[in-house]
Protein backbone atom coordinates (compact mmCIF):
# COMPACT_ATOMS: atom_id res chain seq x y z
CA MET A 1 20.30 13.98 41.89
CA GLY A 2 16.61 13.17 41.55
CA ILE A 3 14.16 11.83 38.99
CA PHE A 4 11.41 13.99 37.54
CA ASN A 5 8.62 11.97 35.96
CA VAL A 6 7.10 13.43 32.79
CA GLU A 7 3.62 11.94 32.63
CA LEU A 8 2.21 12.00 29.10
CA LYS A 9 -0.72 9.62 28.96
CA LYS A 10 -2.74 10.06 25.79
CA VAL A 11 -6.17 9.07 24.57
CA VAL A 12 -6.23 9.50 20.78
CA ASP A 13 -9.09 8.95 18.37
CA ASP A 14 -7.60 8.49 14.88
CA SER A 15 -10.83 7.22 13.33
CA TYR A 16 -11.59 8.29 9.78
CA ASP A 17 -13.98 7.53 6.94
CA ILE A 18 -13.22 5.85 3.63
CA GLU A 19 -15.65 6.94 0.94
CA ILE A 20 -15.97 4.60 -2.03
CA GLY A 21 -17.69 5.90 -5.13
CA TYR A 22 -17.41 7.50 -8.53
CA ASP A 23 -16.20 11.01 -9.41
CA LEU A 24 -15.69 12.08 -5.81
CA ILE A 25 -13.90 15.40 -6.35
CA GLY A 26 -17.07 17.36 -5.59
CA VAL A 27 -17.61 15.32 -2.43
CA LEU A 28 -14.06 16.14 -1.29
CA ILE A 29 -14.64 19.89 -1.73
CA ASP A 30 -18.02 19.71 0.06
CA ASP A 31 -16.42 17.86 2.99
CA ILE A 32 -13.71 20.50 3.31
CA ASP A 33 -16.36 23.24 3.20
CA ARG A 34 -18.19 21.45 6.02
CA GLY A 35 -15.09 21.43 8.23
CA LEU A 36 -13.32 18.13 7.52
CA VAL A 37 -10.02 19.75 8.55
CA GLY A 38 -11.41 22.48 10.74
CA LYS A 39 -10.74 26.09 9.79
CA ILE A 40 -7.69 25.41 7.63
CA LYS A 41 -7.67 27.52 4.46
CA LYS A 42 -4.27 26.61 2.98
CA PHE A 43 -3.80 23.36 1.06
CA ALA A 44 -0.80 21.59 -0.47
CA VAL A 45 -1.98 19.22 -3.21
CA ILE A 46 0.74 16.61 -3.77
CA THR A 47 0.60 14.44 -6.87
CA ASP A 48 2.73 12.82 -9.56
CA SER A 49 3.24 13.52 -13.23
CA ASN A 50 0.70 10.88 -14.30
CA VAL A 51 -2.17 12.23 -12.21
CA GLU A 52 -1.45 15.96 -12.37
CA GLU A 53 -3.72 16.82 -15.31
CA LEU A 54 -6.41 14.18 -14.75
CA TYR A 55 -7.28 14.75 -11.09
CA ALA A 56 -4.93 17.06 -9.19
CA LYS A 57 -5.56 20.18 -11.31
CA PRO A 58 -9.37 19.84 -11.16
CA ILE A 59 -9.14 19.49 -7.37
CA CYS A 60 -6.93 22.58 -7.17
CA ASN A 61 -9.25 24.59 -9.40
CA LEU A 62 -12.33 23.73 -7.35
CA LEU A 63 -10.54 24.55 -4.09
CA VAL A 64 -9.54 27.95 -5.46
CA GLN A 65 -13.11 28.57 -6.63
CA SER A 66 -14.25 27.81 -3.08
CA GLY A 67 -11.94 30.48 -1.70
CA TYR A 68 -9.02 28.39 -0.45
CA SER A 69 -5.30 29.06 -0.90
CA VAL A 70 -3.83 26.19 -2.92
CA ASP A 71 -0.46 25.16 -4.35
CA MET A 72 0.21 21.98 -6.29
CA PHE A 73 3.46 20.03 -5.91
CA VAL A 74 4.32 17.45 -8.57
CA PHE A 75 7.04 14.81 -8.68
CA PRO A 76 7.91 12.25 -11.39
CA ALA A 77 5.62 9.20 -11.36
CA GLY A 78 6.99 5.83 -10.30
CA GLU A 79 8.45 3.91 -7.38
CA LYS A 80 11.89 5.41 -8.05
CA SER A 81 10.54 8.73 -6.75
CA LYS A 82 9.55 7.27 -3.37
CA THR A 83 12.72 8.51 -1.66
CA ARG A 84 13.91 10.79 1.10
CA GLN A 85 15.21 13.10 -1.61
CA THR A 86 11.73 13.55 -3.12
CA LYS A 87 10.26 14.19 0.32
CA GLU A 88 12.97 16.77 0.99
CA LYS A 89 12.29 18.57 -2.30
CA LEU A 90 8.57 18.69 -1.57
CA GLU A 91 9.18 20.03 1.93
CA ASP A 92 11.56 22.71 0.68
CA ALA A 93 9.09 23.74 -2.02
CA MET A 94 6.28 24.00 0.53
CA LEU A 95 8.42 26.07 2.87
CA SER A 96 9.45 28.40 0.05
CA ARG A 97 5.79 29.01 -0.78
CA GLY A 98 4.93 29.96 2.78
CA PHE A 99 3.46 26.73 4.08
CA ARG A 100 3.68 26.34 7.85
CA ARG A 101 1.67 24.47 10.46
CA ASP A 102 -1.66 26.00 9.43
CA CYS A 103 -2.02 23.85 6.31
CA CYS A 104 -3.40 20.53 5.12
CA VAL A 105 -1.86 18.10 2.64
CA ILE A 106 -4.07 16.44 0.01
CA ALA A 107 -2.47 13.40 -1.64
CA VAL A 108 -3.90 12.75 -5.10
CA GLY A 109 -2.71 9.58 -6.81
CA GLY A 110 -1.56 6.05 -6.17
CA GLY A 111 0.39 4.39 -3.38
CA VAL A 112 3.66 6.22 -4.01
CA VAL A 113 1.89 9.57 -3.69
CA THR A 114 -0.06 8.61 -0.57
CA ASP A 115 3.01 7.07 1.09
CA ILE A 116 5.23 10.12 0.55
CA SER A 117 2.46 12.60 1.36
CA GLY A 118 1.45 10.87 4.57
CA PHE A 119 5.07 10.69 5.73
CA LEU A 120 5.62 14.34 4.84
CA ALA A 121 2.43 15.41 6.62
CA GLY A 122 3.54 13.57 9.75
CA THR A 123 6.82 15.49 9.97
CA PHE A 124 6.09 18.88 8.34
CA GLY A 125 5.70 21.42 11.13
CA ARG A 126 5.84 18.37 13.46
CA GLY A 127 2.57 17.19 11.98
CA VAL A 128 -0.20 18.61 9.79
CA PRO A 129 -3.46 16.92 8.71
CA PHE A 130 -3.70 15.11 5.39
CA ILE A 131 -6.32 13.62 3.09
CA ASN A 132 -5.89 10.76 0.60
CA TYR A 133 -7.63 10.82 -2.78
CA ALA A 134 -6.77 7.38 -4.20
CA THR A 135 -6.86 7.08 -7.98
CA THR A 136 -5.48 3.56 -8.48
CA LEU A 137 -6.68 0.08 -7.60
CA LEU A 138 -3.36 -0.59 -5.86
CA ALA A 139 -3.79 2.47 -3.63
CA ALA A 140 -7.37 1.47 -2.90
CA ALA A 141 -6.29 -2.03 -1.89
CA ASP A 142 -3.07 -1.26 -0.07
CA ALA A 143 -2.56 2.38 0.92
CA SER A 144 -6.03 3.48 1.97
CA VAL A 145 -6.27 1.70 5.32
CA GLY A 146 -3.73 1.46 8.09
CA GLY A 147 -1.77 4.71 8.12
CA LYS A 148 1.59 3.17 7.15
CA THR A 149 3.66 5.79 5.36
CA ALA A 150 7.25 5.46 4.21
CA VAL A 151 9.95 6.00 1.62
CA ASP A 152 12.40 3.59 0.02
CA THR A 153 16.19 3.57 0.27
CA PRO A 154 18.76 1.90 -2.02
CA LEU A 155 19.03 -0.93 0.51
CA ALA A 156 15.38 -1.63 1.27
CA THR A 157 11.80 -0.51 0.72
CA ASN A 158 9.51 1.12 3.28
CA LEU A 159 11.89 0.99 6.24
CA ILE A 160 11.96 4.78 6.78
CA GLY A 161 8.55 6.14 7.73
CA LEU A 162 5.88 6.41 10.40
CA PHE A 163 2.31 5.52 11.24
CA ASN A 164 0.09 8.48 10.39
CA GLN A 165 -3.66 8.36 9.91
CA PRO A 166 -5.45 10.59 7.37
CA LYS A 167 -8.52 12.71 8.02
CA LYS A 168 -10.40 10.88 5.27
CA VAL A 169 -9.78 8.63 2.27
CA TYR A 170 -11.60 8.84 -1.04
CA ILE A 171 -11.51 5.81 -3.35
CA ASP A 172 -12.59 7.02 -6.78
CA ILE A 173 -13.46 3.90 -8.77
CA ALA A 174 -14.08 6.02 -11.86
CA ALA A 175 -10.36 6.78 -11.92
CA TRP A 176 -9.56 3.11 -12.51
CA LYS A 177 -10.84 3.47 -16.08
CA SER A 178 -7.94 5.82 -16.83
CA LEU A 179 -5.35 3.23 -15.76
CA PRO A 180 -3.26 1.36 -18.34
CA LYS A 181 -3.94 -2.40 -18.33
CA ARG A 182 -0.54 -3.05 -16.76
CA GLN A 183 -1.35 -0.76 -13.82
CA LEU A 184 -4.78 -2.31 -13.35
CA SER A 185 -3.31 -5.81 -13.31
CA SER A 186 -0.65 -4.67 -10.84
CA GLY A 187 -3.39 -3.33 -8.59
CA MET A 188 -5.07 -6.74 -8.53
CA ALA A 189 -2.06 -8.28 -6.79
CA GLU A 190 -2.88 -6.86 -3.35
CA THR A 191 -6.57 -7.67 -3.83
CA ILE A 192 -5.78 -11.34 -4.49
CA LYS A 193 -3.41 -11.32 -1.52
CA HIS A 194 -6.21 -10.09 0.76
CA ALA A 195 -8.46 -12.91 -0.41
CA CYS A 196 -5.65 -15.43 0.15
CA LEU A 197 -5.12 -14.38 3.73
CA ALA A 198 -8.66 -13.70 4.92
CA SER A 199 -11.55 -14.68 2.62
CA TYR A 200 -12.14 -17.86 0.64
CA ASP A 201 -15.44 -16.37 -0.59
CA MET A 202 -13.60 -13.37 -2.00
CA PHE A 203 -11.06 -15.67 -3.63
CA GLU A 204 -13.86 -17.58 -5.39
CA PHE A 205 -15.43 -14.27 -6.45
CA LEU A 206 -12.15 -13.21 -8.02
CA GLU A 207 -11.82 -16.54 -9.83
CA GLU A 208 -15.30 -16.13 -11.29
CA ASN A 209 -15.22 -12.37 -12.00
CA MET A 210 -11.64 -11.44 -12.91
CA ASP A 211 -12.52 -10.56 -16.51
CA ALA A 212 -15.41 -8.37 -15.35
CA ILE A 213 -13.16 -6.54 -12.89
CA LEU A 214 -10.52 -5.84 -15.54
CA GLU A 215 -13.26 -4.58 -17.87
CA GLY A 216 -14.53 -2.15 -15.19
CA ASP A 217 -17.81 -3.84 -14.23
CA LYS A 218 -19.44 -1.58 -11.61
CA PHE A 219 -20.66 -4.30 -9.24
CA ALA A 220 -17.41 -6.26 -9.35
CA CYS A 221 -15.24 -3.18 -8.78
CA GLU A 222 -17.36 -2.00 -5.85
CA TYR A 223 -17.17 -5.49 -4.35
CA ILE A 224 -13.39 -5.61 -4.37
CA ALA A 225 -13.02 -2.01 -3.16
CA GLU A 226 -15.28 -2.65 -0.16
CA ASN A 227 -13.78 -6.04 0.68
CA ASN A 228 -10.20 -4.78 0.43
CA CYS A 229 -11.03 -2.08 2.98
CA ARG A 230 -12.93 -4.50 5.23
CA ILE A 231 -10.17 -7.11 5.35
CA LYS A 232 -7.39 -4.63 5.94
CA TYR A 233 -9.42 -2.76 8.57
CA GLU A 234 -10.15 -5.94 10.52
CA VAL A 235 -6.41 -6.57 10.76
CA VAL A 236 -5.30 -3.00 11.43
CA MET A 237 -8.00 -2.44 14.06
CA LYS A 238 -6.45 -5.25 16.13
CA ASP A 239 -2.81 -4.29 15.53
CA GLU A 240 -2.32 -0.69 14.40
CA LYS A 241 1.46 -0.58 14.98
CA GLU A 242 2.37 -3.99 13.51
CA SER A 243 3.32 -5.74 16.73
CA GLY A 244 2.05 -9.14 15.62
CA LEU A 245 -1.13 -9.82 13.63
CA ARG A 246 -0.53 -7.02 11.12
CA GLU A 247 2.44 -8.98 9.77
CA ILE A 248 -0.07 -11.12 7.87
CA LEU A 249 -0.58 -8.18 5.48
CA ASN A 250 3.05 -8.80 4.50
CA LEU A 251 2.03 -12.10 2.89
CA GLY A 252 4.12 -12.57 -0.26
CA HIS A 253 6.17 -9.44 0.39
CA THR A 254 9.34 -11.11 1.70
CA VAL A 255 10.26 -12.20 -1.81
CA GLY A 256 8.07 -9.63 -3.59
CA ARG A 257 9.68 -6.52 -2.15
CA ALA A 258 13.15 -7.98 -2.68
CA ILE A 259 12.39 -8.65 -6.37
CA GLU A 260 10.97 -5.16 -6.77
CA THR A 261 14.20 -3.64 -5.50
CA VAL A 262 16.58 -5.99 -7.35
CA SER A 263 14.70 -5.28 -10.61
CA ASP A 264 15.56 -1.61 -10.07
CA TYR A 265 11.79 -1.04 -10.17
CA GLN A 266 11.42 -2.33 -13.72
CA LEU A 267 8.67 -4.41 -12.11
CA LEU A 268 5.64 -2.64 -10.66
CA HIS A 269 4.82 -3.44 -7.04
CA GLY A 270 1.96 -5.74 -7.97
CA GLU A 271 4.04 -7.53 -10.57
CA ALA A 272 6.73 -8.21 -7.98
CA LEU A 273 4.13 -9.23 -5.38
CA ALA A 274 2.62 -11.80 -7.76
CA ILE A 275 6.01 -13.53 -7.94
CA GLY A 276 6.40 -13.20 -4.18
CA MET A 277 3.02 -14.86 -3.67
CA ALA A 278 4.03 -17.68 -6.02
CA ALA A 279 7.11 -18.23 -3.84
CA GLU A 280 5.00 -18.10 -0.69
CA VAL A 281 2.43 -20.70 -1.81
CA MET A 282 5.22 -22.96 -3.05
CA LEU A 283 6.81 -22.76 0.40
CA SER A 284 3.46 -23.20 2.18
CA ALA A 285 2.75 -26.33 0.13
CA ARG A 286 6.23 -27.72 0.75
CA LEU A 287 5.75 -27.29 4.51
CA GLY A 288 2.27 -28.87 4.45
CA TYR A 289 0.18 -25.80 5.21
CA MET A 290 -1.69 -25.95 1.91
CA SER A 291 -2.16 -28.48 -0.87
CA GLU A 292 -0.46 -28.39 -4.25
CA GLU A 293 -3.92 -27.92 -5.79
CA GLU A 294 -4.54 -24.84 -3.63
CA ALA A 295 -1.13 -23.40 -4.47
CA GLY A 296 -1.89 -23.93 -8.15
CA ARG A 297 -5.20 -22.06 -7.84
CA VAL A 298 -3.39 -19.06 -6.34
CA THR A 299 -0.79 -18.86 -9.11
CA ALA A 300 -3.48 -19.43 -11.75
CA LEU A 301 -5.52 -16.51 -10.38
CA TYR A 302 -2.53 -14.19 -10.56
CA GLU A 303 -1.92 -15.26 -14.14
CA LYS A 304 -5.61 -14.72 -14.94
CA ALA A 305 -5.14 -11.15 -13.69
CA GLY A 306 -2.39 -10.71 -16.28
CA LEU A 307 0.51 -11.13 -13.86
CA SER A 308 3.51 -13.42 -14.35
CA THR A 309 4.48 -15.69 -11.45
CA LYS A 310 7.98 -16.38 -12.76
CA ILE A 311 11.17 -14.47 -11.91
CA PRO A 312 12.44 -12.58 -14.99
CA ASP A 313 15.70 -13.86 -16.48
CA TYR A 314 17.48 -10.56 -15.83
CA ILE A 315 17.11 -10.97 -12.05
CA ASP A 316 20.27 -12.27 -10.35
CA ARG A 317 18.95 -15.07 -8.10
CA GLU A 318 21.83 -14.88 -5.60
CA GLU A 319 21.48 -11.11 -5.31
CA LEU A 320 17.78 -11.70 -4.67
CA VAL A 321 18.54 -14.15 -1.86
CA LYS A 322 20.79 -11.56 -0.21
CA LYS A 323 18.14 -8.89 -0.58
CA LEU A 324 15.68 -11.01 1.42
CA TYR A 325 17.59 -9.99 4.56
CA THR A 326 16.44 -6.38 4.20
CA ASP A 327 12.86 -7.50 4.90
CA LYS A 328 11.41 -5.87 8.02
CA LYS A 329 10.33 -9.27 9.40
CA VAL A 330 13.95 -10.46 9.76
CA ARG A 331 14.77 -11.14 13.43
CA ASP A 332 18.22 -11.92 14.80
CA GLY A 333 19.52 -12.30 11.25
CA ARG A 334 16.96 -14.97 10.32
CA LEU A 335 14.49 -14.86 7.45
CA ARG A 336 10.84 -15.05 8.49
CA PHE A 337 7.86 -15.77 6.21
CA VAL A 338 4.12 -15.33 6.64
CA LEU A 339 2.48 -18.47 5.23
CA GLN A 340 -1.00 -19.38 4.07
CA LYS A 341 -3.17 -22.01 5.70
CA GLY A 342 -5.04 -23.20 2.65
CA ILE A 343 -6.86 -20.37 0.89
CA GLY A 344 -8.46 -17.66 2.99
CA SER A 345 -6.37 -17.98 6.14
CA VAL A 346 -2.80 -17.74 7.44
CA VAL A 347 -0.83 -19.89 9.85
CA GLU A 348 -0.59 -18.75 13.48
CA PHE A 349 2.54 -20.57 14.60
CA GLU A 350 1.97 -19.77 18.27
CA PRO A 351 -0.32 -17.24 19.96
CA GLY A 352 0.26 -13.87 18.30
CA VAL A 353 3.08 -15.14 16.05
CA PHE A 354 2.37 -15.17 12.32
CA ALA A 355 5.81 -15.46 10.74
CA LYS A 356 8.00 -18.57 10.65
CA PRO A 357 11.83 -18.63 10.53
CA ILE A 358 12.97 -20.21 7.25
CA GLU A 359 16.49 -21.37 6.48
CA GLU A 360 18.25 -19.47 3.71
CA GLU A 361 18.86 -22.64 1.73
CA THR A 362 15.13 -23.41 1.68
CA ALA A 363 14.36 -19.89 0.46
CA ARG A 364 17.09 -20.24 -2.18
CA GLU A 365 15.61 -23.53 -3.44
CA ILE A 366 12.19 -21.90 -3.86
CA ILE A 367 13.68 -18.93 -5.69
CA MET A 368 15.68 -21.17 -8.04
CA GLN A 369 12.48 -23.00 -9.00
CA LEU A 370 10.56 -19.85 -9.99
């Protein structure tokens, strides 16, 4: 018997543009006309029930007017739809309408839509191109850079998925005006997190301009959109596949994602993350990585954004502690936390290591205090 070596060295350029602006639907159509996805003429527009009428239908109509073949696929809005079952239904619907490898997926909506659509595009026909048209602040802050796509399961969030980069991302700030206040506040959670881990200047800007952001001030909204992309890009560029540094983007998510799941998604992602960040700064202060005053500023900023930093009474604390073990940072059965170093930085515990093992009892004590 012998060995036959299959040599498959690859050089891949997955670069793409993120366009930030207002009312970008026309720009999207113009880009497609100019060859953004080559000669593809068949498009699957994937959206949810909240965004269907506001943005997805206008995009479909303009594509049809430009001579493209278009079908729209809609699923119920909300994190509960971010499942393998939803992805399967979308795939079956696309297949039944004649979609094959010669198509492009356009995701129109928030993070749930872009996550499912990117995952679907990566597996449909073994991979078709996709475009993200982000209509929420949360999607602009979290889902627009990095190419992480996934679905949730009953046991854990975001553990089934793949890395898949879009052809282009459009961040339509005008769409933020259509968001309910609760959704806008939820979207601020990831923005504050980015400031906490990478930019003291941005943190101060948020402290001074939170009211203006929530009221839709043009300058303030453009500032956070651009800085969210910059911070996330600087991390992802150095660690695309989350082998070390990229874990810092998981700041606050160890507790946050667990709360989101245990609440049965009664809490929005940003609402759960705000509580997760409160737990994280409490732990960071306890371990001496930040002062009590700094931890207080973080929780105060979340509350200024309209987000509670306390665990709701209906959450079972012991069930929450158990759920922490579904976090993707767990290694050898041990909980691991990313922790802040003051405001605007994170702790590097040793070269290339940004998460610290924490005893369950310590995590439980923090949770019981929230």
